Amino acid sequence: MTKTTPTTDLDTSRKLLSEMGFEHLPLVLPELLERSVREKLTQVDFLNLALRAEHDFREERRVRTSLRISGLPPGKTLESFDFPFQRGIQRDRIELLATCEFARRKENVLLLGAPGVGKTHLAAGLAVRAVQNGFSVCYVSADELIETLRRDEAGDGRRSRRRKHMNAAVLVIDELGFQALDRRDAHLLFKVVSYRYERGSTVITSNKGIRDWPDMLAGDEVLATAILDRLLHHCHVIQIDGRSFRMKEIEKRVSPRA
């Protein structure tokens, strides 16, 4: 009877793991076995260690892929947001949203404030947390969304409902209000908000206060009321009153050195 060597046994194990669909574990198996011997792990502890290594690898890959296809601007996380500078934000409310309970409950978030106060950064940071918690995310500027909706309306209307901005668990619409919408565009926006109502979470950043939305939406108070009624029914409204981050950077560049 031929006696197999430890190396042969290890190669066989790695081959079987690969054939069973494990991608990371075959690569790190020798390292994990060494750790198991060094730390005198039980068989169950070693099994959990091995499975955790594969799980963490797949989860990291899922997050990377989801962030790439989400359209989110890179580098804008809650960890990188300068809360001490922007004291007009109730940090505890942002931290509560960061648990992503709003996404689980299909609630909306409105981030309102003047240009430069960090609305986009916070919206993106919350969306990153949503991805990390397993939710699909779609980020789009208001102008890009309207342009896509126009094309869909002019073509096959059925395509619109298959769009990611309709079906993502969390949709971020950035910079709504920088350009007034005509009646047609406002109606297209209503279709998105109406379709997503209680189906998913919509996060909107806007430089317009809620009272200004009728003027932003073609002056149509009825349509504005219909949109706001669906957005605000289950909604977290965050009003940001503070200094502009952009002005902060400009002041740094122009201020004389000591």
Protein backbone atom coordinates (compact mmCIF):
# COMPACT_ATOMS: atom_id res chain seq x y z
CA MET A 1 0.00 0.00 0.00
CA THR A 2 1.41 3.34 -1.07
CA LYS A 3 1.78 5.86 1.73
CA THR A 4 0.90 9.44 0.80
CA THR A 5 3.10 12.31 1.94
CA PRO A 6 1.69 15.35 3.79
CA THR A 7 2.40 17.47 0.72
CA THR A 8 0.35 15.10 -1.46
CA ASP A 9 -2.50 15.16 1.04
CA LEU A 10 -2.42 18.98 1.10
CA ASP A 11 -2.41 19.20 -2.68
CA THR A 12 -5.39 16.85 -2.82
CA SER A 13 -7.27 18.93 -0.27
CA ARG A 14 -6.60 22.13 -2.17
CA LYS A 15 -7.69 20.54 -5.43
CA LEU A 16 -10.92 19.28 -3.89
CA LEU A 17 -11.64 22.69 -2.37
CA SER A 18 -11.14 24.34 -5.76
CA GLU A 19 -13.43 21.83 -7.46
CA MET A 20 -16.09 22.53 -4.83
CA GLY A 21 -16.04 26.24 -5.64
CA PHE A 22 -13.77 27.57 -2.90
CA GLU A 23 -11.61 30.31 -4.39
CA HIS A 24 -9.57 31.76 -1.55
CA LEU A 25 -9.31 28.87 0.87
CA PRO A 26 -7.09 26.66 -1.36
CA LEU A 27 -4.55 29.49 -1.53
CA VAL A 28 -4.34 30.14 2.21
CA LEU A 29 -4.82 26.56 3.43
CA PRO A 30 -1.11 25.95 4.23
CA GLU A 31 -0.97 29.18 6.23
CA LEU A 32 -4.14 28.29 8.14
CA LEU A 33 -2.84 24.81 8.93
CA GLU A 34 0.37 26.29 10.32
CA ARG A 35 -1.65 28.68 12.47
CA SER A 36 -3.82 25.81 13.64
CA VAL A 37 -0.79 23.87 14.85
CA ARG A 38 0.86 26.94 16.37
CA GLU A 39 -2.24 27.99 18.30
CA LYS A 40 -3.34 24.41 19.05
CA LEU A 41 -6.79 24.96 17.60
CA THR A 42 -9.49 22.34 17.91
CA GLN A 43 -10.91 20.78 14.76
CA VAL A 44 -14.03 22.92 15.06
CA ASP A 45 -11.97 26.08 15.58
CA PHE A 46 -9.90 25.28 12.52
CA LEU A 47 -13.01 24.63 10.45
CA ASN A 48 -14.49 27.96 11.51
CA LEU A 49 -11.19 29.70 10.76
CA ALA A 50 -11.08 28.23 7.27
CA LEU A 51 -14.69 29.04 6.50
CA ARG A 52 -14.27 32.58 7.85
CA ALA A 53 -11.30 33.15 5.53
CA GLU A 54 -13.37 32.16 2.50
CA HIS A 55 -16.39 34.14 3.69
CA ASP A 56 -14.39 37.32 4.27
CA PHE A 57 -12.74 37.02 0.85
CA ARG A 58 -16.09 36.70 -0.90
CA GLU A 59 -17.60 39.53 1.12
CA GLU A 60 -14.71 41.88 0.30
CA ARG A 61 -15.06 41.02 -3.38
CA ARG A 62 -18.82 41.58 -3.26
CA VAL A 63 -18.36 45.01 -1.69
CA ARG A 64 -15.69 46.02 -4.24
CA THR A 65 -17.87 44.92 -7.14
CA SER A 66 -21.01 46.54 -5.76
CA LEU A 67 -19.22 49.83 -5.17
CA ARG A 68 -17.80 49.77 -8.70
CA ILE A 69 -21.18 49.27 -10.38
CA SER A 70 -23.06 51.61 -8.04
CA GLY A 71 -21.68 54.74 -9.66
CA LEU A 72 -20.72 56.19 -6.27
CA PRO A 73 -17.93 58.79 -6.23
CA PRO A 74 -14.77 57.20 -4.76
CA GLY A 75 -13.37 58.12 -1.38
CA LYS A 76 -16.54 59.59 0.12
CA THR A 77 -17.13 57.57 3.26
CA LEU A 78 -18.54 58.50 6.64
CA GLU A 79 -15.13 57.83 8.14
CA SER A 80 -13.56 60.51 5.93
CA PHE A 81 -16.23 63.14 6.62
CA ASP A 82 -15.03 66.12 8.67
CA PHE A 83 -17.71 66.24 11.37
CA PRO A 84 -15.75 68.64 13.63
CA PHE A 85 -15.71 71.23 10.83
CA GLN A 86 -19.37 70.83 9.93
CA ARG A 87 -20.90 71.33 13.35
CA GLY A 88 -24.31 72.09 11.87
CA ILE A 89 -24.88 68.36 11.46
CA GLN A 90 -26.38 66.25 14.21
CA ARG A 91 -23.82 63.48 14.11
CA ASP A 92 -25.96 61.11 16.16
CA ARG A 93 -28.64 61.22 13.45
CA ILE A 94 -26.10 60.32 10.78
CA GLU A 95 -24.74 57.50 12.93
CA LEU A 96 -28.29 56.19 13.34
CA LEU A 97 -28.77 56.23 9.57
CA ALA A 98 -25.40 54.48 9.19
CA THR A 99 -26.91 51.37 10.78
CA CYS A 100 -28.88 51.11 7.50
CA GLU A 101 -32.12 50.47 9.32
CA PHE A 102 -33.63 53.06 6.97
CA ALA A 103 -32.79 50.78 4.04
CA ARG A 104 -34.25 47.75 5.76
CA ARG A 105 -37.47 49.66 6.37
CA LYS A 106 -37.44 51.19 2.87
CA GLU A 107 -37.39 54.70 4.30
CA ASN A 108 -36.14 57.79 2.48
CA VAL A 109 -33.49 60.36 3.38
CA LEU A 110 -33.45 64.04 2.36
CA LEU A 111 -30.17 65.91 2.85
CA LEU A 112 -30.89 69.62 2.44
CA GLY A 113 -28.56 72.61 2.61
CA ALA A 114 -26.54 75.19 0.74
CA PRO A 115 -23.91 74.12 -1.81
CA GLY A 116 -20.65 72.80 -0.37
CA VAL A 117 -21.86 71.77 3.10
CA GLY A 118 -21.24 68.05 2.54
CA LYS A 119 -24.58 66.70 1.34
CA THR A 120 -23.08 64.58 -1.43
CA HIS A 121 -20.34 63.24 0.85
CA LEU A 122 -22.87 62.17 3.49
CA ALA A 123 -25.22 60.62 0.93
CA ALA A 124 -22.35 58.67 -0.62
CA GLY A 125 -21.09 57.63 2.82
CA LEU A 126 -24.51 56.27 3.75
CA ALA A 127 -24.69 54.46 0.42
CA VAL A 128 -21.29 52.85 1.04
CA ARG A 129 -22.58 51.60 4.39
CA ALA A 130 -25.64 50.23 2.60
CA VAL A 131 -23.41 48.28 0.21
CA GLN A 132 -21.41 46.94 3.13
CA ASN A 133 -24.67 45.78 4.70
CA GLY A 134 -25.71 43.87 1.60
CA PHE A 135 -28.00 46.36 -0.15
CA SER A 136 -27.81 47.18 -3.85
CA VAL A 137 -27.10 50.86 -4.53
CA CYS A 138 -27.47 53.18 -7.50
CA TYR A 139 -25.97 56.67 -7.44
CA VAL A 140 -26.94 59.21 -10.09
CA SER A 141 -27.01 62.99 -10.38
CA ALA A 142 -30.43 64.55 -10.88
CA ASP A 143 -29.43 65.78 -14.35
CA GLU A 144 -28.22 62.32 -15.39
CA LEU A 145 -31.39 60.70 -14.07
CA ILE A 146 -33.66 63.10 -15.95
CA GLU A 147 -31.69 62.58 -19.14
CA THR A 148 -32.04 58.80 -18.80
CA LEU A 149 -35.77 59.11 -18.12
CA ARG A 150 -36.21 61.26 -21.23
CA ARG A 151 -34.47 58.66 -23.39
CA ASP A 152 -36.55 55.84 -21.95
CA GLU A 153 -39.78 57.75 -22.50
CA ALA A 154 -38.84 58.42 -26.11
CA GLY A 155 -38.01 54.74 -26.66
CA ASP A 156 -39.39 51.56 -25.17
CA GLY A 157 -41.28 52.62 -22.04
CA ARG A 158 -41.03 49.11 -20.64
CA ARG A 159 -37.26 49.47 -20.35
CA SER A 160 -37.64 52.15 -17.68
CA ARG A 161 -38.89 49.76 -15.01
CA ARG A 162 -35.90 47.50 -15.54
CA ARG A 163 -33.47 50.31 -14.83
CA LYS A 164 -31.25 50.10 -11.79
CA HIS A 165 -32.56 53.42 -10.48
CA MET A 166 -35.97 51.80 -10.22
CA ASN A 167 -34.96 48.54 -8.58
CA ALA A 168 -31.90 49.26 -6.43
CA ALA A 169 -32.52 48.89 -2.72
CA VAL A 170 -31.02 52.36 -2.21
CA LEU A 171 -31.17 55.06 -4.88
CA VAL A 172 -29.12 58.23 -4.39
CA ILE A 173 -30.28 61.24 -6.44
CA ASP A 174 -27.66 63.93 -6.07
CA GLU A 175 -27.95 67.68 -6.57
CA LEU A 176 -31.66 67.96 -7.18
CA GLY A 177 -32.61 71.59 -7.50
CA PHE A 178 -29.58 73.13 -9.17
CA GLN A 179 -31.65 73.27 -12.31
CA ALA A 180 -35.39 73.88 -12.37
CA LEU A 181 -37.43 71.12 -14.01
CA ASP A 182 -40.14 71.71 -16.57
CA ARG A 183 -43.49 69.99 -16.20
CA ARG A 184 -42.47 67.01 -18.30
CA ASP A 185 -39.27 66.39 -16.34
CA ALA A 186 -41.05 66.84 -13.02
CA HIS A 187 -43.59 64.23 -14.09
CA LEU A 188 -40.77 61.83 -14.99
CA LEU A 189 -39.30 62.32 -11.52
CA PHE A 190 -42.71 61.63 -10.03
CA LYS A 191 -42.81 58.30 -11.85
CA VAL A 192 -39.53 57.25 -10.21
CA VAL A 193 -40.59 58.37 -6.74
CA SER A 194 -44.02 56.80 -7.12
CA TYR A 195 -42.66 53.46 -8.38
CA ARG A 196 -40.08 53.25 -5.59
CA TYR A 197 -42.55 54.22 -2.85
CA GLU A 198 -42.31 51.52 -0.16
CA ARG A 199 -40.29 49.36 -2.58
CA GLY A 200 -36.89 50.85 -1.77
CA SER A 201 -35.08 53.74 -0.12
CA THR A 202 -34.42 56.98 -1.97
CA VAL A 203 -31.73 59.37 -0.75
CA ILE A 204 -31.90 62.87 -2.24
CA THR A 205 -29.52 65.80 -1.81
CA SER A 206 -30.87 69.23 -2.63
CA ASN A 207 -29.99 72.87 -2.15
CA LYS A 208 -33.70 73.67 -2.00
CA GLY A 209 -35.76 73.63 1.17
CA ILE A 210 -39.00 71.67 1.06
CA ARG A 211 -41.04 74.88 0.75
CA ASP A 212 -39.14 75.68 -2.45
CA TRP A 213 -39.90 72.39 -4.17
CA PRO A 214 -43.06 73.59 -5.99
CA ASP A 215 -41.02 76.29 -7.74
CA MET A 216 -38.29 73.74 -8.50
CA LEU A 217 -40.88 71.37 -9.99
CA ALA A 218 -42.22 73.60 -12.75
CA GLY A 219 -44.30 75.63 -10.31
CA ASP A 220 -46.76 72.75 -10.12
CA GLU A 221 -47.91 72.59 -6.50
CA VAL A 222 -50.12 69.55 -7.12
CA LEU A 223 -47.24 67.54 -8.60
CA ALA A 224 -44.82 68.76 -5.94
CA THR A 225 -47.28 67.73 -3.24
CA ALA A 226 -47.65 64.29 -4.81
CA ILE A 227 -43.87 63.79 -4.90
CA LEU A 228 -43.30 65.10 -1.38
CA ASP A 229 -46.20 63.06 -0.03
CA ARG A 230 -44.48 59.85 -1.11
CA LEU A 231 -40.99 60.95 -0.14
CA LEU A 232 -41.88 62.31 3.31
CA HIS A 233 -44.24 59.52 4.38
CA HIS A 234 -41.30 57.41 5.62
CA CYS A 235 -38.42 59.86 5.66
CA HIS A 236 -35.47 61.27 7.58
CA VAL A 237 -34.96 64.95 6.79
CA ILE A 238 -31.47 66.28 7.55
CA GLN A 239 -31.05 70.04 7.28
CA ILE A 240 -27.38 71.05 7.13
CA ASP A 241 -26.61 74.60 8.18
CA GLY A 242 -22.90 75.29 8.10
CA ARG A 243 -19.87 76.51 6.21
CA SER A 244 -18.84 75.34 2.77
CA PHE A 245 -16.01 72.80 2.60
CA ARG A 246 -15.00 74.32 -0.73
CA MET A 247 -14.68 77.78 0.81
CA LYS A 248 -12.62 76.22 3.58
CA GLU A 249 -10.13 74.92 1.01
CA ILE A 250 -10.08 78.25 -0.83
CA GLU A 251 -9.39 80.11 2.41
CA LYS A 252 -6.48 77.79 3.10
CA ARG A 253 -4.92 78.55 -0.28
CA VAL A 254 -5.31 82.33 -0.15
CA SER A 255 -4.56 82.95 3.50
CA PRO A 256 -1.04 84.33 4.13
CA ARG A 257 1.43 82.00 5.73
CA ALA A 258 2.48 82.76 9.27
